């Protein structure tokens, strides 16, 4: 029992670390602290300068002094949240050195715990957003009142209705995993998750703003060491002149990226994220980046729907896995497929870049922008039915 308790506390600390770092990573992207940088004629995508980051932490009162800021960032480096762009420094230094969040180059170790965490976060957000028919409510058990509770059987029903799980047994197993990983709990901590009338709550408030200073007071396990940066592996290629980095603009709307997923570590690029489909890269491995639009020109909804036009309609049924659907949408009226993970569910269904999104689960989205379409997919069922249009290959 003591070992289980220690393991449970450890998972809680890891969950807290992931939540805190995810929140601040987005802030740093929005503040243009994380961006593409050039050094010695090379472009290093999505990285930050250590000295500038420390300045930012002090300015935003996330650290009281430079020494404290260094300790915070060293903790992130020790936990494999960030790393030096070429993995040449194991210490975080207050210098003009480039570091990067591992989530920005696909080297973050996505183990089972991380997958369960991400699944729990997705379920939490969907439940919180669906206020009209929410199954979260204030209820009583054993004479005590508890807020935002879930009846186990209702959660199982909801998981089935949303397409998150296929059977009640699978849904119950997911509930047990969420409890075992410190994401949910029985309201009085007396029971494991069982498909019945017992009440459960989320232990984690995924929306609470966490300060980086909190990390210094927590001790958690070291996340398994990950692979080196794929960018640096490309940099060390002897034919560097033919495989240089793409020069890209920093992402402007990183919050609403759909289907970022991690492919197998044994894949050609060792990671996942945005895959450039530029013909100039056909003879080299995919390059991870936040690319500019893959479209040659913008197309209007009217042009797509013109009878006898050059566009044909296709329908895909995509079943998301534990980390997403494996594609990125961008653009507006209509939005288009910007990138597809070659090892993901979308690619397996036949999705390709440059296709225009016509409908999502029966709803016409030709007049919507990618943020709205992203939200429809993220808050919808696990199985997504999408209609797209692509230029016919005559």
Protein backbone atom coordinates (compact mmCIF):
# COMPACT_ATOMS: atom_id res chain seq x y z
CA UNK A 1 0.00 0.00 0.00
CA UNK A 2 2.85 2.37 0.84
CA UNK A 3 4.49 1.70 -2.54
CA UNK A 4 1.20 2.36 -4.33
CA UNK A 5 0.78 5.62 -2.42
CA UNK A 6 4.29 6.75 -3.33
CA UNK A 7 3.69 5.90 -6.97
CA UNK A 8 0.36 7.75 -6.92
CA UNK A 9 1.94 10.88 -5.44
CA UNK A 10 4.69 10.69 -8.02
CA UNK A 11 2.13 10.59 -10.84
CA UNK A 12 0.36 13.62 -9.37
CA UNK A 13 3.63 15.55 -9.44
CA UNK A 14 4.32 14.52 -13.02
CA UNK A 15 0.80 15.58 -14.03
CA UNK A 16 1.30 18.94 -12.33
CA UNK A 17 4.61 19.40 -14.12
CA UNK A 18 3.07 18.66 -17.51
CA UNK A 19 0.17 21.05 -16.94
CA UNK A 20 2.43 23.86 -15.79
CA UNK A 21 4.86 23.47 -18.66
CA UNK A 22 2.12 23.19 -21.30
CA UNK A 23 0.59 26.46 -20.14
CA UNK A 24 3.86 28.39 -20.10
CA UNK A 25 5.02 26.91 -23.40
CA UNK A 26 1.96 28.45 -25.04
CA UNK A 27 2.67 31.79 -23.35
CA UNK A 28 6.22 31.79 -24.66
CA UNK A 29 5.04 31.03 -28.19
CA UNK A 30 2.48 33.84 -28.02
CA UNK A 31 5.07 36.26 -26.67
CA UNK A 32 7.44 35.40 -29.55
CA UNK A 33 10.07 34.23 -27.06
CA UNK A 34 9.93 30.88 -28.84
CA UNK A 35 10.52 31.39 -32.54
CA UNK A 36 12.76 30.39 -35.43
CA UNK A 37 16.31 31.67 -34.98
CA UNK A 38 19.34 31.80 -37.25
CA UNK A 39 22.94 31.18 -36.28
CA UNK A 40 25.90 30.65 -38.62
CA UNK A 41 23.61 30.54 -41.67
CA UNK A 42 21.40 27.86 -40.13
CA UNK A 43 17.81 28.17 -38.98
CA UNK A 44 16.81 26.54 -35.70
CA UNK A 45 13.00 26.24 -35.60
CA UNK A 46 10.93 26.94 -32.49
CA UNK A 47 13.66 27.68 -29.98
CA UNK A 48 14.43 30.31 -27.35
CA UNK A 49 17.59 32.03 -26.14
CA UNK A 50 18.35 31.17 -22.52
CA UNK A 51 19.32 34.71 -21.57
CA UNK A 52 16.16 36.17 -23.15
CA UNK A 53 13.98 33.59 -21.41
CA UNK A 54 15.39 34.50 -18.02
CA UNK A 55 14.67 38.16 -18.77
CA UNK A 56 11.08 37.17 -19.63
CA UNK A 57 10.66 35.17 -16.41
CA UNK A 58 11.79 38.14 -14.34
CA UNK A 59 9.64 40.60 -16.28
CA UNK A 60 6.53 38.43 -15.80
CA UNK A 61 7.35 37.76 -12.14
CA UNK A 62 7.71 34.02 -12.69
CA UNK A 63 11.04 34.15 -10.85
CA UNK A 64 12.40 36.48 -8.18
CA UNK A 65 15.96 36.62 -9.51
CA UNK A 66 18.18 35.15 -12.20
CA UNK A 67 19.48 32.33 -10.00
CA UNK A 68 15.93 31.19 -9.24
CA UNK A 69 15.05 31.38 -12.94
CA UNK A 70 18.04 29.17 -13.76
CA UNK A 71 16.92 26.63 -11.14
CA UNK A 72 13.42 26.53 -12.65
CA UNK A 73 14.70 25.96 -16.16
CA UNK A 74 17.25 23.42 -14.96
CA UNK A 75 14.37 21.44 -13.48
CA UNK A 76 12.63 21.47 -16.86
CA UNK A 77 15.84 20.33 -18.51
CA UNK A 78 16.33 17.54 -15.94
CA UNK A 79 12.76 16.36 -16.55
CA UNK A 80 13.28 16.26 -20.35
CA UNK A 81 10.74 19.04 -20.91
CA UNK A 82 13.34 21.19 -22.68
CA UNK A 83 16.79 20.51 -24.12
CA UNK A 84 19.65 22.28 -25.83
CA UNK A 85 18.96 22.34 -29.58
CA UNK A 86 21.97 20.13 -30.28
CA UNK A 87 22.03 18.40 -26.89
CA UNK A 88 25.50 19.77 -26.17
CA UNK A 89 24.66 21.25 -22.75
CA UNK A 90 23.15 19.33 -19.85
CA UNK A 91 23.02 22.48 -17.72
CA UNK A 92 20.81 25.50 -18.30
CA UNK A 93 23.09 28.52 -18.61
CA UNK A 94 22.31 32.23 -18.51
CA UNK A 95 23.91 32.73 -21.90
CA UNK A 96 23.00 33.19 -25.56
CA UNK A 97 22.39 29.48 -26.07
CA UNK A 98 19.46 27.96 -27.95
CA UNK A 99 17.08 25.63 -26.11
CA UNK A 100 13.79 24.11 -27.20
CA UNK A 101 10.70 22.47 -25.72
CA UNK A 102 10.76 18.80 -26.64
CA UNK A 103 7.09 19.03 -27.63
CA UNK A 104 8.17 21.46 -30.35
CA UNK A 105 10.46 18.97 -32.07
CA UNK A 106 8.68 15.73 -31.29
CA UNK A 107 11.30 14.32 -28.91
CA UNK A 108 9.11 14.44 -25.81
CA UNK A 109 8.88 10.84 -24.54
CA UNK A 110 5.22 9.94 -24.99
CA UNK A 111 4.99 7.00 -22.60
CA UNK A 112 1.78 5.40 -21.32
CA UNK A 113 1.49 7.94 -18.51
CA UNK A 114 1.66 10.86 -20.93
CA UNK A 115 -0.95 9.23 -23.18
CA UNK A 116 -3.35 8.72 -20.27
CA UNK A 117 -2.75 12.30 -19.14
CA UNK A 118 -3.55 13.67 -22.61
CA UNK A 119 -6.64 11.47 -22.87
CA UNK A 120 -7.84 12.67 -19.48
CA UNK A 121 -7.26 16.30 -20.43
CA UNK A 122 -9.26 15.87 -23.65
CA UNK A 123 -12.18 14.27 -21.79
CA UNK A 124 -12.08 16.99 -19.11
CA UNK A 125 -12.18 19.79 -21.68
CA UNK A 126 -15.05 18.19 -23.60
CA UNK A 127 -17.07 17.77 -20.41
CA UNK A 128 -16.39 21.36 -19.30
CA UNK A 129 -17.30 22.82 -22.70
CA UNK A 130 -20.56 20.88 -23.03
CA UNK A 131 -22.40 22.88 -20.35
CA UNK A 132 -25.95 22.30 -21.64
CA UNK A 133 -25.92 18.53 -21.30
CA UNK A 134 -23.05 18.18 -18.84
CA UNK A 135 -22.96 15.09 -16.65
CA UNK A 136 -20.94 17.03 -14.08
CA UNK A 137 -23.13 18.04 -11.13
CA UNK A 138 -23.24 18.60 -7.37
CA UNK A 139 -24.32 15.34 -5.70
CA UNK A 140 -24.37 13.64 -2.30
CA UNK A 141 -22.78 10.39 -1.19
CA UNK A 142 -22.71 9.02 2.34
CA UNK A 143 -24.27 12.22 3.67
CA UNK A 144 -21.63 14.52 2.18
CA UNK A 145 -22.05 16.96 -0.72
CA UNK A 146 -19.49 16.98 -3.52
CA UNK A 147 -19.21 19.43 -6.43
CA UNK A 148 -18.60 18.58 -10.09
CA UNK A 149 -19.12 14.88 -9.64
CA UNK A 150 -19.60 12.14 -12.21
CA UNK A 151 -21.75 9.05 -11.79
CA UNK A 152 -19.59 6.21 -13.07
CA UNK A 153 -22.34 4.65 -15.20
CA UNK A 154 -23.19 8.06 -16.73
CA UNK A 155 -19.54 8.63 -17.61
CA UNK A 156 -19.45 5.21 -19.29
CA UNK A 157 -22.62 6.10 -21.24
CA UNK A 158 -21.05 9.42 -22.26
CA UNK A 159 -17.80 7.80 -23.42
CA UNK A 160 -19.80 5.44 -25.62
CA UNK A 161 -22.03 8.21 -26.99
CA UNK A 162 -19.01 10.38 -27.81
CA UNK A 163 -17.26 7.54 -29.58
CA UNK A 164 -14.38 7.61 -27.10
CA UNK A 165 -14.74 3.90 -26.41
CA UNK A 166 -16.51 1.05 -28.20
CA UNK A 167 -17.79 -1.08 -25.29
CA UNK A 168 -18.74 -0.61 -21.64
CA UNK A 169 -15.84 -2.86 -20.63
CA UNK A 170 -13.36 -0.63 -22.49
CA UNK A 171 -14.93 2.51 -21.00
CA UNK A 172 -14.69 1.07 -17.49
CA UNK A 173 -11.06 0.15 -18.13
CA UNK A 174 -10.36 3.74 -19.22
CA UNK A 175 -11.99 5.01 -16.02
CA UNK A 176 -9.74 2.75 -13.97
CA UNK A 177 -6.67 4.00 -15.83
CA UNK A 178 -7.66 7.62 -15.22
CA UNK A 179 -8.01 6.85 -11.52
CA UNK A 180 -4.76 4.91 -11.33
CA UNK A 181 -2.91 7.80 -12.99
CA UNK A 182 -4.16 10.39 -10.52
CA UNK A 183 -6.50 12.16 -12.94
CA UNK A 184 -9.77 11.02 -11.32
CA UNK A 185 -10.73 9.77 -7.87
CA UNK A 186 -13.67 8.36 -5.97
CA UNK A 187 -15.15 11.23 -3.93
CA UNK A 188 -14.11 9.61 -0.64
CA UNK A 189 -11.18 7.59 -2.02
CA UNK A 190 -12.82 4.34 -0.95
CA UNK A 191 -13.39 2.67 -4.30
CA UNK A 192 -11.72 1.98 -7.60
CA UNK A 193 -13.61 2.92 -10.76
CA UNK A 194 -16.60 0.64 -11.29
CA UNK A 195 -19.40 0.95 -13.86
CA UNK A 196 -22.20 1.71 -11.42
CA UNK A 197 -23.73 4.41 -9.24
CA UNK A 198 -20.63 5.57 -7.34
CA UNK A 199 -19.47 9.19 -7.59
CA UNK A 200 -16.11 10.33 -8.94
CA UNK A 201 -14.33 13.65 -9.47
CA UNK A 202 -11.40 14.94 -11.47
CA UNK A 203 -8.42 15.34 -9.16
CA UNK A 204 -6.78 17.70 -11.64
CA UNK A 205 -8.08 21.13 -12.56
CA UNK A 206 -6.63 21.32 -16.05
CA UNK A 207 -7.56 24.99 -16.32
CA UNK A 208 -5.86 26.29 -13.19
CA UNK A 209 -2.99 28.62 -13.96
CA UNK A 210 0.16 27.19 -12.46
CA UNK A 211 3.23 29.25 -11.67
CA UNK A 212 6.68 27.97 -12.54
CA UNK A 213 7.84 28.72 -9.00
CA UNK A 214 5.64 25.83 -7.84
CA UNK A 215 7.98 23.40 -9.60
CA UNK A 216 10.83 24.15 -7.19
CA UNK A 217 8.77 22.79 -4.31
CA UNK A 218 7.96 19.51 -6.05
CA UNK A 219 10.06 16.41 -6.44
CA UNK A 220 9.15 13.96 -9.16
CA UNK A 221 10.73 11.22 -11.17
CA UNK A 222 12.93 11.95 -14.14
CA UNK A 223 11.14 11.38 -17.43
CA UNK A 224 13.00 8.77 -19.50
CA UNK A 225 15.73 10.20 -21.66
CA UNK A 226 14.55 10.92 -25.18
CA UNK A 227 16.17 10.86 -28.57
CA UNK A 228 18.35 13.70 -29.74
CA UNK A 229 16.79 16.54 -31.64
CA UNK A 230 15.92 15.51 -35.20
CA UNK A 231 16.96 18.98 -36.29
CA UNK A 232 20.50 18.38 -35.12
CA UNK A 233 20.62 14.96 -36.72
CA UNK A 234 19.82 16.69 -40.00
CA UNK A 235 22.39 19.39 -39.30
CA UNK A 236 25.12 16.80 -38.94
CA UNK A 237 24.27 15.28 -42.32
CA UNK A 238 27.43 15.49 -44.48
CA UNK A 239 25.30 16.71 -47.36
CA UNK A 240 24.12 19.62 -45.29
CA UNK A 241 23.81 21.94 -48.24
CA UNK A 242 20.97 19.84 -49.62
CA UNK A 243 19.13 19.35 -46.33
CA UNK A 244 19.22 22.75 -44.71
CA UNK A 245 16.46 23.85 -42.36
CA UNK A 246 13.39 25.53 -43.70
CA UNK A 247 13.13 29.17 -42.75
CA UNK A 248 9.62 29.51 -41.35
CA UNK A 249 7.52 32.00 -39.46
CA UNK A 250 6.67 31.33 -35.81
CA UNK A 251 3.19 29.97 -35.27
CA UNK A 252 0.57 32.56 -34.48
CA UNK A 253 -2.26 30.34 -33.29
CA UNK A 254 -0.57 27.44 -31.59
CA UNK A 255 -3.47 26.77 -29.21
CA UNK A 256 -5.80 25.32 -31.80
CA UNK A 257 -3.57 22.88 -33.65
CA UNK A 258 -5.54 19.75 -34.46
CA UNK A 259 -4.18 16.27 -34.13
CA UNK A 260 -0.58 16.87 -33.18
CA UNK A 261 0.58 13.36 -32.54
CA UNK A 262 3.75 11.46 -31.93
CA UNK A 263 4.67 8.73 -34.37
CA UNK A 264 6.94 5.84 -33.59
CA UNK A 265 10.41 6.75 -32.42
CA UNK A 266 11.69 4.35 -35.04
CA UNK A 267 10.24 6.38 -37.89
CA UNK A 268 12.46 8.11 -40.41
CA UNK A 269 12.43 11.39 -38.56
CA UNK A 270 12.11 10.01 -35.05
CA UNK A 271 9.26 12.32 -34.10
CA UNK A 272 6.01 13.85 -35.13
CA UNK A 273 4.39 17.20 -35.68
CA UNK A 274 4.19 19.25 -38.83
CA UNK A 275 5.38 17.44 -41.90
CA UNK A 276 6.36 19.60 -44.81
CA UNK A 277 5.08 18.30 -48.11
CA UNK A 278 7.20 20.55 -50.30
CA UNK A 279 8.35 18.75 -53.49
CA UNK A 280 11.86 20.04 -52.89
CA UNK A 281 12.12 17.74 -49.90
CA UNK A 282 11.10 14.55 -51.71
CA UNK A 283 14.62 13.15 -51.61
CA UNK A 284 15.20 13.80 -47.91
CA UNK A 285 13.40 12.96 -44.65
CA UNK A 286 10.42 15.08 -43.58
CA UNK A 287 11.30 18.35 -41.90
CA UNK A 288 9.45 19.39 -38.80
CA UNK A 289 8.33 22.97 -38.84
CA UNK A 290 5.41 25.36 -38.57
CA UNK A 291 5.01 25.76 -42.32
CA UNK A 292 3.55 28.47 -44.44
CA UNK A 293 0.42 27.53 -46.37
CA UNK A 294 0.84 24.55 -48.67
CA UNK A 295 -1.75 25.97 -51.08
CA UNK A 296 -0.62 27.40 -54.38
CA UNK A 297 -3.61 29.75 -54.30
CA UNK A 298 -6.72 30.32 -52.22
CA UNK A 299 -9.97 28.81 -53.52
CA UNK A 300 -13.47 30.10 -52.71
CA UNK A 301 -16.38 27.88 -51.58
CA UNK A 302 -18.23 28.85 -54.76
CA UNK A 303 -15.35 27.65 -56.93
CA UNK A 304 -15.26 24.32 -55.12
CA UNK A 305 -18.98 23.76 -55.66
CA UNK A 306 -19.16 24.85 -59.30
CA UNK A 307 -20.80 22.04 -61.34
CA UNK A 308 -18.33 20.49 -63.75
CA UNK A 309 -15.41 22.10 -61.93
CA UNK A 310 -12.00 20.49 -61.46
CA UNK A 311 -12.68 19.41 -57.86
CA UNK A 312 -13.93 16.02 -56.68
CA UNK A 313 -15.35 15.08 -53.29
CA UNK A 314 -14.01 12.37 -51.00
CA UNK A 315 -15.24 11.10 -47.64
CA UNK A 316 -12.98 9.82 -44.86
CA UNK A 317 -13.83 8.10 -41.59
CA UNK A 318 -10.96 8.72 -39.19
CA UNK A 319 -10.77 6.99 -35.81
CA UNK A 320 -8.52 8.97 -33.48
CA UNK A 321 -5.93 7.19 -31.39
CA UNK A 322 -4.69 8.07 -27.92
CA UNK A 323 -2.93 11.22 -29.12
CA UNK A 324 -5.13 12.59 -31.89
CA UNK A 325 -6.16 12.14 -35.50
CA UNK A 326 -2.84 12.93 -37.18
CA UNK A 327 -3.53 15.99 -39.31
CA UNK A 328 -3.44 19.79 -39.17
CA UNK A 329 -6.05 22.18 -40.58
CA UNK A 330 -5.34 25.78 -41.54
CA UNK A 331 -6.90 28.58 -43.55
CA UNK A 332 -10.37 30.07 -43.73
CA UNK A 333 -13.51 29.85 -45.89
CA UNK A 334 -12.67 27.10 -46.70
CA UNK A 335 -9.94 25.71 -44.49
CA UNK A 336 -7.56 23.10 -45.87
CA UNK A 337 -5.38 20.20 -44.78
CA UNK A 338 -2.01 21.75 -44.03
CA UNK A 339 -0.12 18.64 -42.89
CA UNK A 340 -0.66 14.92 -42.37
CA UNK A 341 1.31 12.62 -40.10
CA UNK A 342 2.31 9.77 -42.44
CA UNK A 343 1.93 7.22 -39.64
CA UNK A 344 -1.34 8.58 -38.25
CA UNK A 345 -5.02 7.63 -38.58
CA UNK A 346 -5.76 10.37 -41.15
CA UNK A 347 -3.04 9.18 -43.52
CA UNK A 348 -4.30 5.61 -43.18
CA UNK A 349 -7.77 6.82 -44.22
CA UNK A 350 -6.35 8.50 -47.33
CA UNK A 351 -6.17 12.14 -46.29
CA UNK A 352 -3.61 14.33 -48.08
CA UNK A 353 -2.36 17.90 -47.85
CA UNK A 354 -4.08 20.60 -49.93
CA UNK A 355 -7.50 18.99 -49.61
CA UNK A 356 -10.29 21.43 -48.69
CA UNK A 357 -12.55 20.58 -45.76
CA UNK A 358 -16.23 20.52 -46.77
CA UNK A 359 -17.95 18.97 -43.75
CA UNK A 360 -17.22 17.52 -40.32
CA UNK A 361 -19.61 14.89 -39.00
CA UNK A 362 -22.32 16.06 -41.39
CA UNK A 363 -21.95 19.79 -40.65
CA UNK A 364 -20.99 21.98 -43.62
CA UNK A 365 -17.88 23.99 -42.70
CA UNK A 366 -17.04 25.69 -46.00
CA UNK A 367 -17.74 29.11 -44.50
CA UNK A 368 -15.80 28.53 -41.28
CA UNK A 369 -12.19 29.20 -40.35
CA UNK A 370 -9.76 26.58 -39.08
CA UNK A 371 -10.17 27.56 -35.40
CA UNK A 372 -13.88 26.74 -35.53
CA UNK A 373 -13.28 23.55 -37.48
CA UNK A 374 -10.54 22.58 -35.03
CA UNK A 375 -12.92 23.09 -32.13
CA UNK A 376 -15.60 20.96 -33.80
CA UNK A 377 -13.15 18.10 -34.16
CA UNK A 378 -11.60 18.43 -30.71
CA UNK A 379 -14.96 18.53 -28.93
CA UNK A 380 -16.63 15.92 -31.12
CA UNK A 381 -16.57 12.13 -31.07
CA UNK A 382 -13.42 10.10 -31.40
CA UNK A 383 -14.56 8.92 -34.84
CA UNK A 384 -14.63 11.84 -37.28
CA UNK A 385 -16.37 11.67 -40.65
CA UNK A 386 -14.95 14.31 -42.97
CA UNK A 387 -15.83 15.30 -46.50
CA UNK A 388 -13.05 16.99 -48.44
CA UNK A 389 -12.56 18.21 -51.98
CA UNK A 390 -9.38 17.92 -53.97
CA UNK A 391 -8.33 18.89 -57.45
CA UNK A 392 -8.92 16.06 -59.90
CA UNK A 393 -5.81 14.56 -61.44
CA UNK A 394 -6.70 14.48 -65.15
